[in-house]
C-alpha cells in the first residue's frame, strides 16, 4: 500500500503535539482537501466534526485518541472502516492509579480526616481491614482488570460485572441483566469503568445506587465513576448523597463537560471532583503505537484492538 496522509480531526484541545509526533513518519493535515480528498488514508480523531469522514474514498481506518469511542459513533456519517481503540500501558497505569487512589481514600476515610483537620479535631475513627471491604468494578476490560489486580494485591475483596461473562482469578464475576442486582448487593465501593453504549447510557441511576450494600465496614456505599459521564445521572447521584443512599462519591466524568459552574456537585460536601483527568491520553506513548499499527496494516497484518461495531466498544 502507498502511504497516504493522516487526517488529525480533534476538538476540545490543541492538536499541535499530536501533529508533531505523527508527522515524524507521515504527512498530517488538520482538514481534508475537500469532501472527497483521495490522499487521506487514516483518521486520528477525538469528537470529529459530523460527516467529516463520510466521503473520503481511500480512508482505511479510524484511530481514537481517547479510551472511549462513543464520540466516534456519534457521527451520523461514520464510514464503514475499521475503528481502533486506545490500549496503552501508560493509559492503563494512569487509570489504575486513579482507581486505587480513590478506593484507598474512601476506605481510609480521607473525607472525614479532611473535615476533622478543618475543625482541628484529633480523633481516630475505627479502621477496618481491606478484606472487609468489597470493591465492585463495572467493566472488566483491560482497564478494569488491571485495577482489579492491584486491589486484590492490597487485600480488598473484588467483584466484577460485565455485559458478558469475563472470568478473572480471585474476582467474583457477574454478568448481564441477571447478574447486576446480585453484584450490587455484594458491593461496598462501586467503580464504574464501562464503555458508553446505548445499553449503558444512564445505567448508574438512583434505582441502581439503592441496591448497593449499605451495612458495611465503611458506614455506607460509595460511587467512583471514571468511565464516561453519561453512564450516570448527575441529579440521581446528588439525590442519593442527600438522602444517605450514598455515603460519598468520587467523580471524574459528568453528563456535561466541563462540569457547569452551576452544578451542585462542585460544592457538595460528600463529592470529590476531578476534571476528566483519571487517564489522560499521552501522545508521546500513543502516537508511535498508531504509526506502528499503520505500518503493520500496510504490510498486510491485521489491526489490533479493533472496536466491535455491534457492541459499540
C-alpha atoms as a PDB file:
ATOM      1  CA  UNK A   1       0.000   0.000   0.000  1.00  0.00           C
ATOM      2  CA  UNK A   2       1.132   3.522  -0.717  1.00  0.00           C
ATOM      3  CA  UNK A   3       1.403   5.752   2.330  1.00  0.00           C
ATOM      4  CA  UNK A   4      -1.282   8.388   2.360  1.00  0.00           C
ATOM      5  CA  UNK A   5      -1.909  11.328   4.633  1.00  0.00           C
ATOM      6  CA  UNK A   6      -3.269  11.270   8.178  1.00  0.00           C
ATOM      7  CA  UNK A   7      -6.250  13.469   8.973  1.00  0.00           C
ATOM      8  CA  UNK A   8      -5.951  14.697  12.573  1.00  0.00           C
ATOM      9  CA  UNK A   9      -9.504  15.739  13.455  1.00  0.00           C
ATOM     10  CA  UNK A  10      -9.867  16.743  17.094  1.00  0.00           C
ATOM     11  CA  UNK A  11     -11.922  19.194  19.116  1.00  0.00           C
ATOM     12  CA  UNK A  12     -11.563  20.265  22.720  1.00  0.00           C
ATOM     13  CA  UNK A  13      -7.780  20.578  22.856  1.00  0.00           C
ATOM     14  CA  UNK A  14      -4.830  21.832  20.823  1.00  0.00           C
ATOM     15  CA  UNK A  15      -3.587  19.216  18.345  1.00  0.00           C
ATOM     16  CA  UNK A  16      -0.037  20.516  17.906  1.00  0.00           C
ATOM     17  CA  UNK A  17       1.801  17.862  19.937  1.00  0.00           C
ATOM     18  CA  UNK A  18      -0.114  15.057  18.227  1.00  0.00           C
ATOM     19  CA  UNK A  19       0.669  16.583  14.849  1.00  0.00           C
ATOM     20  CA  UNK A  20       4.384  16.856  15.627  1.00  0.00           C
ATOM     21  CA  UNK A  21       4.682  13.230  16.685  1.00  0.00           C
ATOM     22  CA  UNK A  22       2.593  11.758  13.874  1.00  0.00           C
ATOM     23  CA  UNK A  23       4.466  13.912  11.335  1.00  0.00           C
ATOM     24  CA  UNK A  24       7.670  12.103  12.223  1.00  0.00           C
ATOM     25  CA  UNK A  25       6.674   9.412   9.721  1.00  0.00           C
ATOM     26  CA  UNK A  26       3.688  10.639   7.726  1.00  0.00           C
ATOM     27  CA  UNK A  27       2.144  13.804   6.394  1.00  0.00           C
ATOM     28  CA  UNK A  28      -0.539  15.083   8.740  1.00  0.00           C
ATOM     29  CA  UNK A  29      -3.310  17.548   7.932  1.00  0.00           C
ATOM     30  CA  UNK A  30      -5.996  19.119  10.092  1.00  0.00           C
ATOM     31  CA  UNK A  31      -8.532  19.422   7.266  1.00  0.00           C
ATOM     32  CA  UNK A  32      -9.022  17.338   4.113  1.00  0.00           C
ATOM     33  CA  UNK A  33      -8.619  18.955   0.718  1.00  0.00           C
ATOM     34  CA  UNK A  34     -12.326  18.891   0.017  1.00  0.00           C
ATOM     35  CA  UNK A  35     -15.025  16.421   0.977  1.00  0.00           C
ATOM     36  CA  UNK A  36     -13.604  13.663  -1.266  1.00  0.00           C
ATOM     37  CA  UNK A  37      -9.891  14.084  -0.602  1.00  0.00           C
ATOM     38  CA  UNK A  38      -8.286  10.888  -2.026  1.00  0.00           C
ATOM     39  CA  UNK A  39      -4.996  11.439  -0.184  1.00  0.00           C
ATOM     40  CA  UNK A  40      -6.388  10.669   3.312  1.00  0.00           C
ATOM     41  CA  UNK A  41      -5.805   7.051   4.325  1.00  0.00           C
ATOM     42  CA  UNK A  42      -6.097   7.279   8.130  1.00  0.00           C
ATOM     43  CA  UNK A  43      -8.028   9.491  10.543  1.00  0.00           C
ATOM     44  CA  UNK A  44      -6.895  10.136  14.115  1.00  0.00           C
ATOM     45  CA  UNK A  45      -9.876  11.650  15.871  1.00  0.00           C
ATOM     46  CA  UNK A  46     -11.473  12.990  19.019  1.00  0.00           C
ATOM     47  CA  UNK A  47     -15.030  14.300  18.652  1.00  0.00           C
ATOM     48  CA  UNK A  48     -14.551  14.936  14.941  1.00  0.00           C
ATOM     49  CA  UNK A  49     -16.990  17.176  13.080  1.00  0.00           C
ATOM     50  CA  UNK A  50     -20.095  15.268  11.899  1.00  0.00           C
ATOM     51  CA  UNK A  51     -19.830  13.813   8.384  1.00  0.00           C
ATOM     52  CA  UNK A  52     -16.178  14.862   8.063  1.00  0.00           C
ATOM     53  CA  UNK A  53     -15.094  11.302   7.271  1.00  0.00           C
ATOM     54  CA  UNK A  54     -18.127  10.157   5.329  1.00  0.00           C
ATOM     55  CA  UNK A  55     -16.907  10.689   1.757  1.00  0.00           C
ATOM     56  CA  UNK A  56     -13.136  10.137   1.975  1.00  0.00           C
ATOM     57  CA  UNK A  57     -12.730   7.433  -0.700  1.00  0.00           C
ATOM     58  CA  UNK A  58      -9.424   5.946   0.461  1.00  0.00           C
ATOM     59  CA  UNK A  59      -9.898   6.048   4.231  1.00  0.00           C
ATOM     60  CA  UNK A  60      -8.628   2.724   5.607  1.00  0.00           C
ATOM     61  CA  UNK A  61      -9.003   3.064   9.387  1.00  0.00           C
ATOM     62  CA  UNK A  62     -10.006   5.430  12.184  1.00  0.00           C
ATOM     63  CA  UNK A  63      -7.957   5.751  15.379  1.00  0.00           C
ATOM     64  CA  UNK A  64      -9.456   7.160  18.576  1.00  0.00           C
ATOM     65  CA  UNK A  65      -7.226   9.424  20.653  1.00  0.00           C
ATOM     66  CA  UNK A  66      -9.139   8.623  23.848  1.00  0.00           C
ATOM     67  CA  UNK A  67     -10.099   5.385  25.560  1.00  0.00           C
ATOM     68  CA  UNK A  68     -13.766   5.889  24.707  1.00  0.00           C
ATOM     69  CA  UNK A  69     -15.193   5.553  21.203  1.00  0.00           C
ATOM     70  CA  UNK A  70     -18.745   6.821  21.753  1.00  0.00           C
ATOM     71  CA  UNK A  71     -17.672  10.163  20.248  1.00  0.00           C
ATOM     72  CA  UNK A  72     -16.909   8.332  17.001  1.00  0.00           C
ATOM     73  CA  UNK A  73     -20.269   6.566  16.874  1.00  0.00           C
ATOM     74  CA  UNK A  74     -21.991   9.920  17.438  1.00  0.00           C
ATOM     75  CA  UNK A  75     -21.025  10.842  13.862  1.00  0.00           C
ATOM     76  CA  UNK A  76     -24.084  10.270  11.629  1.00  0.00           C
ATOM     77  CA  UNK A  77     -21.821   9.911   8.590  1.00  0.00           C
ATOM     78  CA  UNK A  78     -19.421   7.366  10.050  1.00  0.00           C
ATOM     79  CA  UNK A  79     -17.906   5.332   7.194  1.00  0.00           C
ATOM     80  CA  UNK A  80     -17.669   1.549   7.284  1.00  0.00           C
ATOM     81  CA  UNK A  81     -13.942   1.207   8.003  1.00  0.00           C
ATOM     82  CA  UNK A  82     -12.113  -0.393  10.960  1.00  0.00           C
ATOM     83  CA  UNK A  83     -12.015   1.623  14.190  1.00  0.00           C
ATOM     84  CA  UNK A  84      -9.034   1.190  16.503  1.00  0.00           C
ATOM     85  CA  UNK A  85      -9.392   1.950  20.204  1.00  0.00           C
ATOM     86  CA  UNK A  86      -6.601   3.034  22.511  1.00  0.00           C
ATOM     87  CA  UNK A  87      -4.901   0.299  24.502  1.00  0.00           C
ATOM     88  CA  UNK A  88      -1.633   1.514  26.008  1.00  0.00           C
ATOM     89  CA  UNK A  89       0.336   0.579  29.096  1.00  0.00           C
ATOM     90  CA  UNK A  90       0.629   4.137  30.363  1.00  0.00           C
ATOM     91  CA  UNK A  91      -3.111   4.774  29.940  1.00  0.00           C
ATOM     92  CA  UNK A  92      -3.852   1.601  31.887  1.00  0.00           C
ATOM     93  CA  UNK A  93      -1.351   2.660  34.552  1.00  0.00           C
ATOM     94  CA  UNK A  94      -2.955   6.092  34.917  1.00  0.00           C
ATOM     95  CA  UNK A  95      -6.426   4.610  35.312  1.00  0.00           C
ATOM     96  CA  UNK A  96      -5.229   2.019  37.795  1.00  0.00           C
ATOM     97  CA  UNK A  97      -3.563   4.740  39.853  1.00  0.00           C
ATOM     98  CA  UNK A  98      -6.756   6.797  39.879  1.00  0.00           C
ATOM     99  CA  UNK A  99      -9.000   3.896  40.889  1.00  0.00           C
ATOM    100  CA  UNK A 100      -6.663   2.686  43.638  1.00  0.00           C
ATOM    101  CA  UNK A 101      -6.162   6.259  44.905  1.00  0.00           C
ATOM    102  CA  UNK A 102      -9.883   6.892  45.200  1.00  0.00           C
ATOM    103  CA  UNK A 103     -10.674   3.458  46.676  1.00  0.00           C
ATOM    104  CA  UNK A 104      -7.973   3.898  49.319  1.00  0.00           C
ATOM    105  CA  UNK A 105      -9.091   7.449  50.121  1.00  0.00           C
ATOM    106  CA  UNK A 106     -12.661   6.311  50.735  1.00  0.00           C
ATOM    107  CA  UNK A 107     -11.520   3.187  52.582  1.00  0.00           C
ATOM    108  CA  UNK A 108      -9.152   5.129  54.870  1.00  0.00           C
ATOM    109  CA  UNK A 109     -11.809   7.818  55.463  1.00  0.00           C
ATOM    110  CA  UNK A 110      -9.978  10.651  53.774  1.00  0.00           C
ATOM    111  CA  UNK A 111     -13.074  12.874  53.679  1.00  0.00           C
ATOM    112  CA  UNK A 112     -13.583  12.557  57.439  1.00  0.00           C
ATOM    113  CA  UNK A 113      -9.948  13.367  58.162  1.00  0.00           C
ATOM    114  CA  UNK A 114     -10.058  16.443  55.917  1.00  0.00           C
ATOM    115  CA  UNK A 115     -13.167  17.624  57.738  1.00  0.00           C
ATOM    116  CA  UNK A 116     -11.518  17.000  61.111  1.00  0.00           C
ATOM    117  CA  UNK A 117      -8.426  18.936  60.044  1.00  0.00           C
ATOM    118  CA  UNK A 118     -10.524  21.977  59.184  1.00  0.00           C
ATOM    119  CA  UNK A 119     -12.106  21.836  62.656  1.00  0.00           C
ATOM    120  CA  UNK A 120      -8.837  20.915  64.450  1.00  0.00           C
ATOM    121  CA  UNK A 121     -10.333  17.674  65.745  1.00  0.00           C
ATOM    122  CA  UNK A 122      -7.897  14.976  66.955  1.00  0.00           C
ATOM    123  CA  UNK A 123      -9.879  11.750  66.649  1.00  0.00           C
ATOM    124  CA  UNK A 124      -9.056   8.334  65.218  1.00  0.00           C
ATOM    125  CA  UNK A 125     -12.124   6.531  63.850  1.00  0.00           C
ATOM    126  CA  UNK A 126     -12.364   2.763  63.653  1.00  0.00           C
ATOM    127  CA  UNK A 127     -10.375   1.444  60.701  1.00  0.00           C
ATOM    128  CA  UNK A 128     -11.489  -1.775  59.013  1.00  0.00           C
ATOM    129  CA  UNK A 129      -9.068  -4.060  57.146  1.00  0.00           C
ATOM    130  CA  UNK A 130      -9.215  -4.046  53.365  1.00  0.00           C
ATOM    131  CA  UNK A 131     -10.534  -7.595  53.382  1.00  0.00           C
ATOM    132  CA  UNK A 132     -13.747  -6.348  54.996  1.00  0.00           C
ATOM    133  CA  UNK A 133     -14.426  -4.043  52.038  1.00  0.00           C
ATOM    134  CA  UNK A 134     -15.837  -5.234  48.729  1.00  0.00           C
ATOM    135  CA  UNK A 135     -14.938  -3.228  45.630  1.00  0.00           C
ATOM    136  CA  UNK A 136     -17.211  -3.859  42.648  1.00  0.00           C
ATOM    137  CA  UNK A 137     -15.873  -2.969  39.198  1.00  0.00           C
ATOM    138  CA  UNK A 138     -18.368  -2.450  36.391  1.00  0.00           C
ATOM    139  CA  UNK A 139     -16.439  -3.139  33.203  1.00  0.00           C
ATOM    140  CA  UNK A 140     -13.835  -5.900  33.151  1.00  0.00           C
ATOM    141  CA  UNK A 141     -11.910  -4.832  30.069  1.00  0.00           C
ATOM    142  CA  UNK A 142      -8.197  -4.005  30.105  1.00  0.00           C
ATOM    143  CA  UNK A 143      -8.640  -1.074  32.480  1.00  0.00           C
ATOM    144  CA  UNK A 144     -10.983  -2.854  34.870  1.00  0.00           C
ATOM    145  CA  UNK A 145      -8.863  -5.995  35.073  1.00  0.00           C
ATOM    146  CA  UNK A 146      -5.687  -4.033  35.739  1.00  0.00           C
ATOM    147  CA  UNK A 147      -7.331  -2.112  38.583  1.00  0.00           C
ATOM    148  CA  UNK A 148      -8.855  -5.305  39.984  1.00  0.00           C
ATOM    149  CA  UNK A 149      -5.446  -6.977  40.067  1.00  0.00           C
ATOM    150  CA  UNK A 150      -3.892  -4.193  42.155  1.00  0.00           C
ATOM    151  CA  UNK A 151      -6.873  -4.005  44.508  1.00  0.00           C
ATOM    152  CA  UNK A 152      -6.640  -7.771  45.064  1.00  0.00           C
ATOM    153  CA  UNK A 153      -2.956  -7.391  45.930  1.00  0.00           C
ATOM    154  CA  UNK A 154      -3.934  -4.836  48.597  1.00  0.00           C
ATOM    155  CA  UNK A 155      -6.301  -7.327  50.179  1.00  0.00           C
ATOM    156  CA  UNK A 156      -9.679  -5.992  49.044  1.00  0.00           C
ATOM    157  CA  UNK A 157     -12.474  -8.343  48.093  1.00  0.00           C
ATOM    158  CA  UNK A 158     -13.186  -7.614  44.426  1.00  0.00           C
ATOM    159  CA  UNK A 159     -16.345  -8.218  42.388  1.00  0.00           C
ATOM    160  CA  UNK A 160     -16.703  -7.645  38.674  1.00  0.00           C
ATOM    161  CA  UNK A 161     -19.682  -7.090  36.394  1.00  0.00           C
ATOM    162  CA  UNK A 162     -19.685  -7.063  32.612  1.00  0.00           C
ATOM    163  CA  UNK A 163     -22.133  -7.451  29.750  1.00  0.00           C
ATOM    164  CA  UNK A 164     -20.920 -10.988  29.096  1.00  0.00           C
ATOM    165  CA  UNK A 165     -19.120 -13.374  31.424  1.00  0.00           C
ATOM    166  CA  UNK A 166     -15.458 -12.364  31.922  1.00  0.00           C
ATOM    167  CA  UNK A 167     -13.864 -14.760  34.444  1.00  0.00           C
ATOM    168  CA  UNK A 168     -10.877 -13.488  36.412  1.00  0.00           C
ATOM    169  CA  UNK A 169      -8.950 -15.346  39.076  1.00  0.00           C
ATOM    170  CA  UNK A 170      -9.658 -14.025  42.561  1.00  0.00           C
ATOM    171  CA  UNK A 171     -12.622 -11.925  41.399  1.00  0.00           C
ATOM    172  CA  UNK A 172     -16.266 -12.843  41.952  1.00  0.00           C
ATOM    173  CA  UNK A 173     -17.695 -12.173  38.492  1.00  0.00           C
ATOM    174  CA  UNK A 174     -21.270 -11.418  37.472  1.00  0.00           C
ATOM    175  CA  UNK A 175     -22.675 -10.722  34.030  1.00  0.00           C
ATOM    176  CA  UNK A 176     -25.710  -9.494  32.156  1.00  0.00           C
ATOM    177  CA  UNK A 177     -29.003  -8.214  33.466  1.00  0.00           C
ATOM    178  CA  UNK A 178     -29.466 -11.242  35.724  1.00  0.00           C
ATOM    179  CA  UNK A 179     -26.151 -10.638  37.461  1.00  0.00           C
ATOM    180  CA  UNK A 180     -26.448  -6.891  38.052  1.00  0.00           C
ATOM    181  CA  UNK A 181     -28.511  -6.828  41.256  1.00  0.00           C
ATOM    182  CA  UNK A 182     -26.549  -9.658  42.961  1.00  0.00           C
ATOM    183  CA  UNK A 183     -23.345  -7.808  42.032  1.00  0.00           C
ATOM    184  CA  UNK A 184     -24.578  -4.531  43.514  1.00  0.00           C
ATOM    185  CA  UNK A 185     -25.821  -6.156  46.716  1.00  0.00           C
ATOM    186  CA  UNK A 186     -22.331  -7.606  47.266  1.00  0.00           C
ATOM    187  CA  UNK A 187     -20.552  -4.268  46.634  1.00  0.00           C
ATOM    188  CA  UNK A 188     -19.482  -1.520  49.071  1.00  0.00           C
ATOM    189  CA  UNK A 189     -17.434   0.671  46.699  1.00  0.00           C
ATOM    190  CA  UNK A 190     -18.759   0.761  43.128  1.00  0.00           C
ATOM    191  CA  UNK A 191     -16.147   1.584  40.464  1.00  0.00           C
ATOM    192  CA  UNK A 192     -17.599   2.350  37.024  1.00  0.00           C
ATOM    193  CA  UNK A 193     -15.314   1.755  34.023  1.00  0.00           C
ATOM    194  CA  UNK A 194     -17.897   0.792  31.418  1.00  0.00           C
ATOM    195  CA  UNK A 195     -17.866   1.996  27.809  1.00  0.00           C
ATOM    196  CA  UNK A 196     -20.729   4.253  26.794  1.00  0.00           C
ATOM    197  CA  UNK A 197     -23.194   2.482  24.506  1.00  0.00           C
ATOM    198  CA  UNK A 198     -26.965   2.746  24.013  1.00  0.00           C
ATOM    199  CA  UNK A 199     -27.318  -0.087  26.557  1.00  0.00           C
ATOM    200  CA  UNK A 200     -25.152   1.573  29.236  1.00  0.00           C
ATOM    201  CA  UNK A 201     -26.376   5.171  28.804  1.00  0.00           C
ATOM    202  CA  UNK A 202     -27.721   6.262  32.218  1.00  0.00           C
ATOM    203  CA  UNK A 203     -27.139   2.834  33.769  1.00  0.00           C
ATOM    204  CA  UNK A 204     -25.966   4.380  37.051  1.00  0.00           C
ATOM    205  CA  UNK A 205     -29.266   5.796  38.254  1.00  0.00           C
ATOM    206  CA  UNK A 206     -30.943   6.141  41.625  1.00  0.00           C
ATOM    207  CA  UNK A 207     -32.539   2.702  41.442  1.00  0.00           C
ATOM    208  CA  UNK A 208     -29.175   1.050  40.834  1.00  0.00           C
ATOM    209  CA  UNK A 209     -27.484   3.006  43.624  1.00  0.00           C
ATOM    210  CA  UNK A 210     -30.227   1.894  46.037  1.00  0.00           C
ATOM    211  CA  UNK A 211     -29.125  -1.712  45.517  1.00  0.00           C
ATOM    212  CA  UNK A 212     -25.585  -1.181  46.825  1.00  0.00           C
ATOM    213  CA  UNK A 213     -24.722  -2.723  50.179  1.00  0.00           C
ATOM    214  CA  UNK A 214     -25.272  -0.207  52.986  1.00  0.00           C
ATOM    215  CA  UNK A 215     -24.360  -2.161  56.107  1.00  0.00           C
ATOM    216  CA  UNK A 216     -20.614  -2.438  55.705  1.00  0.00           C
ATOM    217  CA  UNK A 217     -17.270  -1.502  57.190  1.00  0.00           C
ATOM    218  CA  UNK A 218     -17.391   1.910  55.534  1.00  0.00           C
ATOM    219  CA  UNK A 219     -20.640   3.003  57.115  1.00  0.00           C
ATOM    220  CA  UNK A 220     -22.270   3.368  53.710  1.00  0.00           C
ATOM    221  CA  UNK A 221     -21.814   2.741  49.997  1.00  0.00           C
ATOM    222  CA  UNK A 222     -19.501   4.710  47.722  1.00  0.00           C
ATOM    223  CA  UNK A 223     -19.527   5.518  43.981  1.00  0.00           C
ATOM    224  CA  UNK A 224     -16.439   6.095  41.822  1.00  0.00           C
ATOM    225  CA  UNK A 225     -17.065   6.894  38.138  1.00  0.00           C
ATOM    226  CA  UNK A 226     -14.006   7.169  35.903  1.00  0.00           C
ATOM    227  CA  UNK A 227     -15.680   5.731  32.802  1.00  0.00           C
ATOM    228  CA  UNK A 228     -17.961   8.051  30.846  1.00  0.00           C
ATOM    229  CA  UNK A 229     -20.117  10.866  32.203  1.00  0.00           C
ATOM    230  CA  UNK A 230     -23.339   9.835  30.525  1.00  0.00           C
ATOM    231  CA  UNK A 231     -23.196   6.442  32.215  1.00  0.00           C
ATOM    232  CA  UNK A 232     -24.681   8.163  35.258  1.00  0.00           C
ATOM    233  CA  UNK A 233     -27.289  10.780  36.011  1.00  0.00           C
ATOM    234  CA  UNK A 234     -25.863  13.728  37.961  1.00  0.00           C
ATOM    235  CA  UNK A 235     -29.191  14.517  39.626  1.00  0.00           C
ATOM    236  CA  UNK A 236     -29.606  10.918  40.808  1.00  0.00           C
ATOM    237  CA  UNK A 237     -26.176  10.991  42.419  1.00  0.00           C
ATOM    238  CA  UNK A 238     -26.990  14.217  44.269  1.00  0.00           C
ATOM    239  CA  UNK A 239     -30.277  12.704  45.429  1.00  0.00           C
ATOM    240  CA  UNK A 240     -28.537   9.533  46.624  1.00  0.00           C
ATOM    241  CA  UNK A 241     -25.924  11.531  48.538  1.00  0.00           C
ATOM    242  CA  UNK A 242     -28.503  13.806  50.136  1.00  0.00           C
ATOM    243  CA  UNK A 243     -30.736  11.010  51.404  1.00  0.00           C
ATOM    244  CA  UNK A 244     -27.907   8.727  52.549  1.00  0.00           C
ATOM    245  CA  UNK A 245     -28.217   6.147  49.791  1.00  0.00           C
ATOM    246  CA  UNK A 246     -24.584   7.003  49.042  1.00  0.00           C
ATOM    247  CA  UNK A 247     -22.039   7.886  51.690  1.00  0.00           C
ATOM    248  CA  UNK A 248     -19.562   9.532  49.299  1.00  0.00           C
ATOM    249  CA  UNK A 249     -18.650   9.777  45.613  1.00  0.00           C
ATOM    250  CA  UNK A 250     -15.560  10.403  43.505  1.00  0.00           C
ATOM    251  CA  UNK A 251     -16.466  11.629  40.025  1.00  0.00           C
ATOM    252  CA  UNK A 252     -14.055  12.200  37.156  1.00  0.00           C
ATOM    253  CA  UNK A 253     -16.699  12.325  34.416  1.00  0.00           C
ATOM    254  CA  UNK A 254     -20.054  14.070  34.076  1.00  0.00           C
ATOM    255  CA  UNK A 255     -23.124  14.292  31.870  1.00  0.00           C
ATOM    256  CA  UNK A 256     -21.959  17.702  30.612  1.00  0.00           C
ATOM    257  CA  UNK A 257     -18.260  18.557  30.415  1.00  0.00           C
ATOM    258  CA  UNK A 258     -16.745  20.809  31.514  1.00  0.00           C
ATOM    259  CA  UNK A 259     -18.950  20.469  34.584  1.00  0.00           C
ATOM    260  CA  UNK A 260     -21.171  23.612  34.634  1.00  0.00           C
ATOM    261  CA  UNK A 261     -20.344  26.062  37.405  1.00  0.00           C
ATOM    262  CA  UNK A 262     -23.984  25.861  38.487  1.00  0.00           C
ATOM    263  CA  UNK A 263     -23.744  22.120  39.209  1.00  0.00           C
ATOM    264  CA  UNK A 264     -24.326  21.232  42.882  1.00  0.00           C
ATOM    265  CA  UNK A 265     -21.620  18.580  42.562  1.00  0.00           C
ATOM    266  CA  UNK A 266     -18.881  21.239  42.733  1.00  0.00           C
ATOM    267  CA  UNK A 267     -19.677  22.200  46.314  1.00  0.00           C
ATOM    268  CA  UNK A 268     -21.272  19.027  47.596  1.00  0.00           C
ATOM    269  CA  UNK A 269     -19.557  18.091  50.877  1.00  0.00           C
ATOM    270  CA  UNK A 270     -19.548  14.371  50.008  1.00  0.00           C
ATOM    271  CA  UNK A 271     -18.172  14.622  46.462  1.00  0.00           C
ATOM    272  CA  UNK A 272     -14.594  14.592  45.169  1.00  0.00           C
ATOM    273  CA  UNK A 273     -14.391  16.126  41.664  1.00  0.00           C
ATOM    274  CA  UNK A 274     -11.624  15.760  39.082  1.00  0.00           C
ATOM    275  CA  UNK A 275     -11.832  17.231  35.535  1.00  0.00           C
ATOM    276  CA  UNK A 276     -11.871  14.064  33.386  1.00  0.00           C
ATOM    277  CA  UNK A 277      -8.230  13.562  34.333  1.00  0.00           C
ATOM    278  CA  UNK A 278      -8.158   9.941  35.551  1.00  0.00           C
ATOM    279  CA  UNK A 279      -6.348   8.685  32.456  1.00  0.00           C
ATOM    280  CA  UNK A 280      -5.320  11.416  30.049  1.00  0.00           C
ATOM    281  CA  UNK A 281      -4.152  10.281  26.619  1.00  0.00           C
ATOM    282  CA  UNK A 282      -0.403  10.908  26.268  1.00  0.00           C
ATOM    283  CA  UNK A 283       0.634  11.495  22.635  1.00  0.00           C
ATOM    284  CA  UNK A 284       4.240  10.545  23.460  1.00  0.00           C
ATOM    285  CA  UNK A 285       3.051   6.986  24.089  1.00  0.00           C
ATOM    286  CA  UNK A 286       0.049   6.741  21.791  1.00  0.00           C
ATOM    287  CA  UNK A 287       1.221   8.354  18.541  1.00  0.00           C
ATOM    288  CA  UNK A 288       4.091   5.855  17.976  1.00  0.00           C
ATOM    289  CA  UNK A 289       1.664   2.988  18.642  1.00  0.00           C
ATOM    290  CA  UNK A 290      -0.698   4.322  15.983  1.00  0.00           C
ATOM    291  CA  UNK A 291       2.130   4.700  13.466  1.00  0.00           C
ATOM    292  CA  UNK A 292       3.288   1.139  14.102  1.00  0.00           C
ATOM    293  CA  UNK A 293      -0.249  -0.118  13.529  1.00  0.00           C
ATOM    294  CA  UNK A 294      -0.486   1.768  10.240  1.00  0.00           C
ATOM    295  CA  UNK A 295       2.833   0.360   9.038  1.00  0.00           C
ATOM    296  CA  UNK A 296       1.834  -3.182  10.029  1.00  0.00           C
ATOM    297  CA  UNK A 297      -1.540  -2.829   8.310  1.00  0.00           C
ATOM    298  CA  UNK A 298       0.170  -1.786   5.109  1.00  0.00           C
ATOM    299  CA  UNK A 299       2.375  -4.890   5.323  1.00  0.00           C
ATOM    300  CA  UNK A 300      -0.792  -6.976   5.302  1.00  0.00           C
ATOM    301  CA  UNK A 301      -1.052  -7.554   9.043  1.00  0.00           C
ATOM    302  CA  UNK A 302      -4.282  -7.221  10.995  1.00  0.00           C
ATOM    303  CA  UNK A 303      -5.110  -4.143  13.033  1.00  0.00           C
ATOM    304  CA  UNK A 304      -5.161  -4.680  16.783  1.00  0.00           C
ATOM    305  CA  UNK A 305      -7.673  -3.519  19.392  1.00  0.00           C
ATOM    306  CA  UNK A 306     -10.481  -3.146  16.914  1.00  0.00           C
ATOM    307  CA  UNK A 307     -13.844  -1.826  18.052  1.00  0.00           C
ATOM    308  CA  UNK A 308     -16.763  -4.230  17.828  1.00  0.00           C
ATOM    309  CA  UNK A 309     -19.295  -2.096  15.984  1.00  0.00           C
ATOM    310  CA  UNK A 310     -22.212  -4.245  17.118  1.00  0.00           C
ATOM    311  CA  UNK A 311     -21.224  -3.995  20.781  1.00  0.00           C
ATOM    312  CA  UNK A 312     -20.221  -0.326  20.463  1.00  0.00           C
ATOM    313  CA  UNK A 313     -16.782  -0.670  22.065  1.00  0.00           C
END
